[in-house]
């Protein structure tokens, strides 16, 4: 099974989810460090739709840039995330079975 993780190596939750993926037999793993290779707004919209979560739930609200998006709509939030990927809550993990925001990291098992 192929799995893609949108990963931040400085994030402990992201490292824990990555470890789960690496320990799972039969996983063909793609690691995307999203801070250096950010997803487009369209990719993010697709990931959130597959995860059945709102765009706002994918926003890292503790980041200073998120405060300016308090009243913004989905399109503006997605554009801001694509422009400044630190605003993306992580890690996002995608497999053929779906997408999960792996917080807590064990949630990744739901799609393995």
N, C-alpha and C. Protein backbone atom coordinates (compact mmCIF):
# COMPACT_ATOMS: atom_id res chain seq x y z
N UNK A 1 0.85 -1.18 0.00
CA UNK A 1 0.00 0.00 0.00
C UNK A 1 0.88 1.24 0.00
N UNK A 2 0.49 2.22 -0.80
CA UNK A 2 1.20 3.49 -0.85
C UNK A 2 0.64 4.43 0.21
N UNK A 3 1.52 5.14 0.89
CA UNK A 3 1.14 6.15 1.88
C UNK A 3 1.98 7.39 1.65
N UNK A 4 1.33 8.53 1.74
CA UNK A 4 2.02 9.82 1.64
C UNK A 4 1.80 10.56 2.94
N UNK A 5 2.88 11.07 3.51
CA UNK A 5 2.79 11.89 4.71
C UNK A 5 3.30 13.28 4.38
N UNK A 6 2.49 14.27 4.72
CA UNK A 6 2.89 15.68 4.62
C UNK A 6 3.51 15.99 5.97
N UNK A 7 4.83 16.05 5.99
CA UNK A 7 5.63 15.92 7.20
C UNK A 7 6.42 17.18 7.53
N UNK A 8 6.54 17.44 8.83
CA UNK A 8 7.44 18.47 9.35
C UNK A 8 8.37 17.77 10.33
N UNK A 9 9.64 17.60 9.98
CA UNK A 9 10.56 16.86 10.84
C UNK A 9 10.78 17.48 12.22
N UNK A 10 10.42 18.75 12.40
CA UNK A 10 10.57 19.39 13.71
C UNK A 10 9.38 19.13 14.63
N UNK A 11 8.34 18.51 14.11
CA UNK A 11 7.11 18.27 14.87
C UNK A 11 7.11 16.86 15.45
N UNK A 12 6.96 16.74 16.76
CA UNK A 12 6.99 15.42 17.39
C UNK A 12 5.84 14.54 16.93
N UNK A 13 4.66 15.10 16.74
CA UNK A 13 3.51 14.30 16.27
C UNK A 13 3.75 13.79 14.86
N UNK A 14 4.35 14.61 14.04
CA UNK A 14 4.67 14.21 12.67
C UNK A 14 5.73 13.09 12.68
N UNK A 15 6.73 13.23 13.52
CA UNK A 15 7.75 12.18 13.62
C UNK A 15 7.16 10.87 14.12
N UNK A 16 6.22 10.95 15.07
CA UNK A 16 5.58 9.75 15.60
C UNK A 16 4.73 9.06 14.52
N UNK A 17 3.98 9.84 13.76
CA UNK A 17 3.18 9.26 12.68
C UNK A 17 4.08 8.63 11.62
N UNK A 18 5.18 9.28 11.30
CA UNK A 18 6.13 8.73 10.34
C UNK A 18 6.70 7.42 10.84
N UNK A 19 7.01 7.32 12.12
CA UNK A 19 7.53 6.08 12.69
C UNK A 19 6.50 4.95 12.56
N UNK A 20 5.24 5.25 12.80
CA UNK A 20 4.20 4.23 12.64
C UNK A 20 4.16 3.74 11.20
N UNK A 21 4.22 4.66 10.27
CA UNK A 21 4.21 4.28 8.85
C UNK A 21 5.42 3.42 8.50
N UNK A 22 6.58 3.81 9.00
CA UNK A 22 7.81 3.05 8.69
C UNK A 22 7.80 1.66 9.32
N UNK A 23 7.11 1.51 10.43
CA UNK A 23 7.04 0.21 11.11
C UNK A 23 5.97 -0.72 10.52
N UNK A 24 5.13 -0.19 9.65
CA UNK A 24 4.04 -0.97 9.09
C UNK A 24 4.53 -1.73 7.86
N UNK A 25 4.44 -3.07 7.89
CA UNK A 25 4.90 -3.85 6.73
C UNK A 25 4.08 -3.53 5.48
N UNK A 26 4.75 -3.54 4.34
CA UNK A 26 4.07 -3.39 3.06
C UNK A 26 3.74 -1.96 2.66
N UNK A 27 4.25 -0.99 3.39
CA UNK A 27 3.96 0.42 3.06
C UNK A 27 5.03 0.94 2.10
N UNK A 28 4.58 1.48 0.99
CA UNK A 28 5.44 2.21 0.06
C UNK A 28 5.27 3.68 0.42
N UNK A 29 6.27 4.25 1.08
CA UNK A 29 6.12 5.54 1.74
C UNK A 29 6.70 6.69 0.91
N UNK A 30 5.90 7.74 0.80
CA UNK A 30 6.37 9.00 0.23
C UNK A 30 6.30 10.05 1.33
N UNK A 31 7.43 10.67 1.61
CA UNK A 31 7.51 11.71 2.64
C UNK A 31 7.68 13.05 1.93
N UNK A 32 6.74 13.95 2.18
CA UNK A 32 6.82 15.30 1.61
C UNK A 32 6.99 16.28 2.75
N UNK A 33 8.12 16.93 2.78
CA UNK A 33 8.35 17.97 3.78
C UNK A 33 7.64 19.24 3.28
N UNK A 34 6.45 19.43 3.76
CA UNK A 34 5.55 20.43 3.19
C UNK A 34 6.01 21.87 3.38
N UNK A 35 6.91 22.11 4.33
CA UNK A 35 7.40 23.49 4.49
C UNK A 35 8.30 23.89 3.33
N UNK A 36 9.02 22.92 2.75
CA UNK A 36 9.87 23.23 1.61
C UNK A 36 9.19 22.90 0.28
N UNK A 37 8.20 22.02 0.31
CA UNK A 37 7.43 21.66 -0.88
C UNK A 37 5.95 21.76 -0.52
N UNK A 38 5.43 22.97 -0.46
CA UNK A 38 4.05 23.14 0.01
C UNK A 38 3.03 22.64 -1.01
N UNK A 39 1.93 22.08 -0.51
CA UNK A 39 0.85 21.69 -1.41
C UNK A 39 0.12 22.92 -1.93
N UNK A 40 -0.51 22.78 -3.08
CA UNK A 40 -1.32 23.87 -3.61
C UNK A 40 -2.64 23.94 -2.84
N UNK A 41 -3.34 25.02 -3.03
CA UNK A 41 -4.66 25.16 -2.40
C UNK A 41 -5.58 24.04 -2.88
N UNK A 42 -5.49 23.66 -4.15
CA UNK A 42 -6.35 22.60 -4.69
C UNK A 42 -6.02 21.25 -4.05
N UNK A 43 -4.74 20.97 -3.86
CA UNK A 43 -4.34 19.71 -3.20
C UNK A 43 -4.86 19.69 -1.77
N UNK A 44 -4.69 20.79 -1.05
CA UNK A 44 -5.19 20.86 0.32
C UNK A 44 -6.70 20.65 0.37
N UNK A 45 -7.43 21.30 -0.53
CA UNK A 45 -8.89 21.15 -0.56
C UNK A 45 -9.26 19.69 -0.77
N UNK A 46 -8.55 19.02 -1.65
CA UNK A 46 -8.82 17.60 -1.92
C UNK A 46 -8.51 16.74 -0.70
N UNK A 47 -7.39 17.00 -0.05
CA UNK A 47 -7.03 16.23 1.15
C UNK A 47 -8.07 16.41 2.25
N UNK A 48 -8.49 17.64 2.49
CA UNK A 48 -9.48 17.89 3.54
C UNK A 48 -10.82 17.25 3.20
N UNK A 49 -11.20 17.29 1.93
CA UNK A 49 -12.46 16.66 1.52
C UNK A 49 -12.40 15.15 1.76
N UNK A 50 -11.28 14.52 1.38
CA UNK A 50 -11.14 13.08 1.60
C UNK A 50 -11.08 12.74 3.08
N UNK A 51 -10.57 13.64 3.89
CA UNK A 51 -10.50 13.42 5.34
C UNK A 51 -11.83 13.72 6.01
N UNK A 52 -12.76 14.29 5.25
CA UNK A 52 -14.06 14.71 5.79
C UNK A 52 -13.89 15.68 6.96
N UNK A 53 -13.00 16.63 6.74
CA UNK A 53 -12.77 17.66 7.74
C UNK A 53 -12.88 19.03 7.08
N UNK A 54 -13.16 20.02 7.86
CA UNK A 54 -13.28 21.37 7.31
C UNK A 54 -11.90 21.96 7.08
N UNK A 55 -11.86 22.91 6.17
CA UNK A 55 -10.61 23.62 5.90
C UNK A 55 -10.13 24.30 7.18
N UNK A 56 -11.04 24.88 7.92
CA UNK A 56 -10.68 25.57 9.17
C UNK A 56 -10.06 24.59 10.17
N UNK A 57 -10.51 23.33 10.18
CA UNK A 57 -9.92 22.33 11.07
C UNK A 57 -8.48 21.99 10.66
N UNK A 58 -8.13 22.26 9.42
CA UNK A 58 -6.77 22.03 8.94
C UNK A 58 -5.84 23.20 9.18
N UNK A 59 -6.37 24.28 9.74
CA UNK A 59 -5.59 25.49 10.00
C UNK A 59 -4.92 25.39 11.36
N UNK A 60 -3.64 25.66 11.40
CA UNK A 60 -2.88 25.67 12.65
C UNK A 60 -3.16 26.99 13.36
N UNK A 61 -4.16 26.97 14.22
CA UNK A 61 -4.70 28.19 14.81
C UNK A 61 -3.74 28.93 15.73
N UNK A 62 -2.74 28.25 16.26
CA UNK A 62 -1.80 28.88 17.18
C UNK A 62 -0.78 29.76 16.45
N UNK A 63 -0.70 29.63 15.13
CA UNK A 63 0.27 30.43 14.37
C UNK A 63 -0.22 31.88 14.26
N UNK A 64 0.69 32.84 14.37
CA UNK A 64 0.30 34.25 14.27
C UNK A 64 -0.49 34.57 12.99
N UNK A 65 -0.12 33.99 11.87
CA UNK A 65 -0.81 34.25 10.61
C UNK A 65 -2.24 33.75 10.59
N UNK A 66 -2.58 32.82 11.44
CA UNK A 66 -3.94 32.27 11.48
C UNK A 66 -4.93 33.26 12.06
N UNK A 67 -4.47 34.10 12.95
CA UNK A 67 -5.37 35.06 13.59
C UNK A 67 -6.01 36.00 12.57
N UNK A 68 -5.27 36.35 11.54
CA UNK A 68 -5.79 37.23 10.49
C UNK A 68 -6.87 36.55 9.65
N UNK A 69 -6.99 35.24 9.77
CA UNK A 69 -7.96 34.48 8.98
C UNK A 69 -9.23 34.15 9.76
N UNK A 70 -9.42 34.78 10.90
CA UNK A 70 -10.54 34.47 11.79
C UNK A 70 -11.89 34.51 11.07
N UNK A 71 -12.13 35.49 10.23
CA UNK A 71 -13.41 35.60 9.55
C UNK A 71 -13.36 35.18 8.09
N UNK A 72 -12.26 34.59 7.67
CA UNK A 72 -12.06 34.26 6.26
C UNK A 72 -12.82 33.00 5.86
N UNK A 73 -13.12 32.92 4.58
CA UNK A 73 -13.76 31.74 4.01
C UNK A 73 -12.72 30.70 3.63
N UNK A 74 -13.21 29.56 3.20
CA UNK A 74 -12.32 28.43 2.86
C UNK A 74 -11.29 28.78 1.80
N UNK A 75 -11.71 29.47 0.76
CA UNK A 75 -10.78 29.80 -0.34
C UNK A 75 -9.62 30.66 0.16
N UNK A 76 -9.92 31.63 0.99
CA UNK A 76 -8.87 32.51 1.53
C UNK A 76 -7.94 31.74 2.46
N UNK A 77 -8.51 30.84 3.26
CA UNK A 77 -7.68 30.04 4.17
C UNK A 77 -6.77 29.11 3.37
N UNK A 78 -7.31 28.45 2.36
CA UNK A 78 -6.50 27.56 1.53
C UNK A 78 -5.38 28.32 0.83
N UNK A 79 -5.69 29.50 0.30
CA UNK A 79 -4.67 30.32 -0.36
C UNK A 79 -3.58 30.72 0.63
N UNK A 80 -3.98 31.09 1.85
CA UNK A 80 -2.99 31.46 2.87
C UNK A 80 -2.10 30.28 3.24
N UNK A 81 -2.70 29.09 3.36
CA UNK A 81 -1.92 27.89 3.68
C UNK A 81 -0.93 27.56 2.58
N UNK A 82 -1.36 27.68 1.33
CA UNK A 82 -0.48 27.38 0.22
C UNK A 82 0.68 28.39 0.16
N UNK A 83 0.37 29.63 0.52
CA UNK A 83 1.37 30.69 0.50
C UNK A 83 2.32 30.62 1.70
N UNK A 84 1.79 30.22 2.85
CA UNK A 84 2.57 30.14 4.09
C UNK A 84 2.27 28.79 4.76
N UNK A 85 2.95 27.72 4.33
CA UNK A 85 2.59 26.36 4.77
C UNK A 85 2.73 26.09 6.27
N UNK A 86 3.35 26.99 7.02
CA UNK A 86 3.40 26.80 8.47
C UNK A 86 1.99 26.83 9.06
N UNK A 87 1.03 27.37 8.30
CA UNK A 87 -0.36 27.44 8.74
C UNK A 87 -1.09 26.10 8.64
N UNK A 88 -0.47 25.10 8.01
CA UNK A 88 -1.11 23.80 7.83
C UNK A 88 -0.90 22.95 9.08
N UNK A 89 -1.99 22.47 9.65
CA UNK A 89 -1.90 21.54 10.78
C UNK A 89 -1.34 20.23 10.25
N UNK A 90 -0.47 19.61 11.02
CA UNK A 90 0.21 18.41 10.54
C UNK A 90 0.22 17.34 11.61
N UNK A 91 0.53 16.13 11.17
CA UNK A 91 0.80 15.65 9.81
C UNK A 91 -0.48 15.16 9.13
N UNK A 92 -0.56 15.37 7.84
CA UNK A 92 -1.62 14.79 7.03
C UNK A 92 -1.06 13.53 6.39
N UNK A 93 -1.82 12.45 6.44
CA UNK A 93 -1.40 11.18 5.85
C UNK A 93 -2.48 10.71 4.90
N UNK A 94 -2.07 10.31 3.70
CA UNK A 94 -3.00 9.86 2.67
C UNK A 94 -2.65 8.45 2.22
N UNK A 95 -3.66 7.59 2.14
CA UNK A 95 -3.54 6.26 1.55
C UNK A 95 -4.77 6.05 0.66
N UNK A 96 -4.82 4.91 0.03
CA UNK A 96 -5.99 4.58 -0.79
C UNK A 96 -7.26 4.49 0.06
N UNK A 97 -7.11 4.29 1.35
CA UNK A 97 -8.26 4.15 2.25
C UNK A 97 -8.75 5.49 2.81
N UNK A 98 -8.03 6.58 2.52
CA UNK A 98 -8.47 7.89 2.99
C UNK A 98 -7.34 8.78 3.43
N UNK A 99 -7.72 9.86 4.09
CA UNK A 99 -6.77 10.85 4.60
C UNK A 99 -7.08 11.09 6.06
N UNK A 100 -6.04 11.22 6.87
CA UNK A 100 -6.22 11.55 8.28
C UNK A 100 -5.24 12.64 8.68
N UNK A 101 -5.73 13.53 9.52
CA UNK A 101 -4.85 14.42 10.26
C UNK A 101 -4.42 13.58 11.45
N UNK A 102 -3.17 13.19 11.48
CA UNK A 102 -2.68 12.22 12.47
C UNK A 102 -2.34 12.91 13.79
N UNK A 103 -3.36 13.43 14.40
CA UNK A 103 -3.27 14.03 15.73
C UNK A 103 -4.40 13.45 16.56
N UNK A 104 -4.15 12.51 17.39
CA UNK A 104 -2.87 11.92 17.74
C UNK A 104 -2.33 11.03 16.62
N UNK A 105 -1.04 10.75 16.63
CA UNK A 105 -0.40 10.00 15.56
C UNK A 105 -1.04 8.63 15.29
N UNK A 106 -1.62 8.02 16.30
CA UNK A 106 -2.22 6.69 16.15
C UNK A 106 -3.39 6.70 15.17
N UNK A 107 -3.95 7.86 14.89
CA UNK A 107 -5.06 7.94 13.93
C UNK A 107 -4.67 7.47 12.55
N UNK A 108 -3.38 7.48 12.27
CA UNK A 108 -2.92 7.01 10.96
C UNK A 108 -3.30 5.54 10.73
N UNK A 109 -3.41 4.78 11.79
CA UNK A 109 -3.77 3.35 11.67
C UNK A 109 -5.16 3.14 11.08
N UNK A 110 -6.02 4.15 11.18
CA UNK A 110 -7.38 4.06 10.65
C UNK A 110 -7.39 3.88 9.14
N UNK A 111 -6.33 4.30 8.47
CA UNK A 111 -6.30 4.25 7.00
C UNK A 111 -5.21 3.32 6.48
N UNK A 112 -4.72 2.44 7.33
CA UNK A 112 -3.71 1.46 6.90
C UNK A 112 -4.35 0.11 6.66
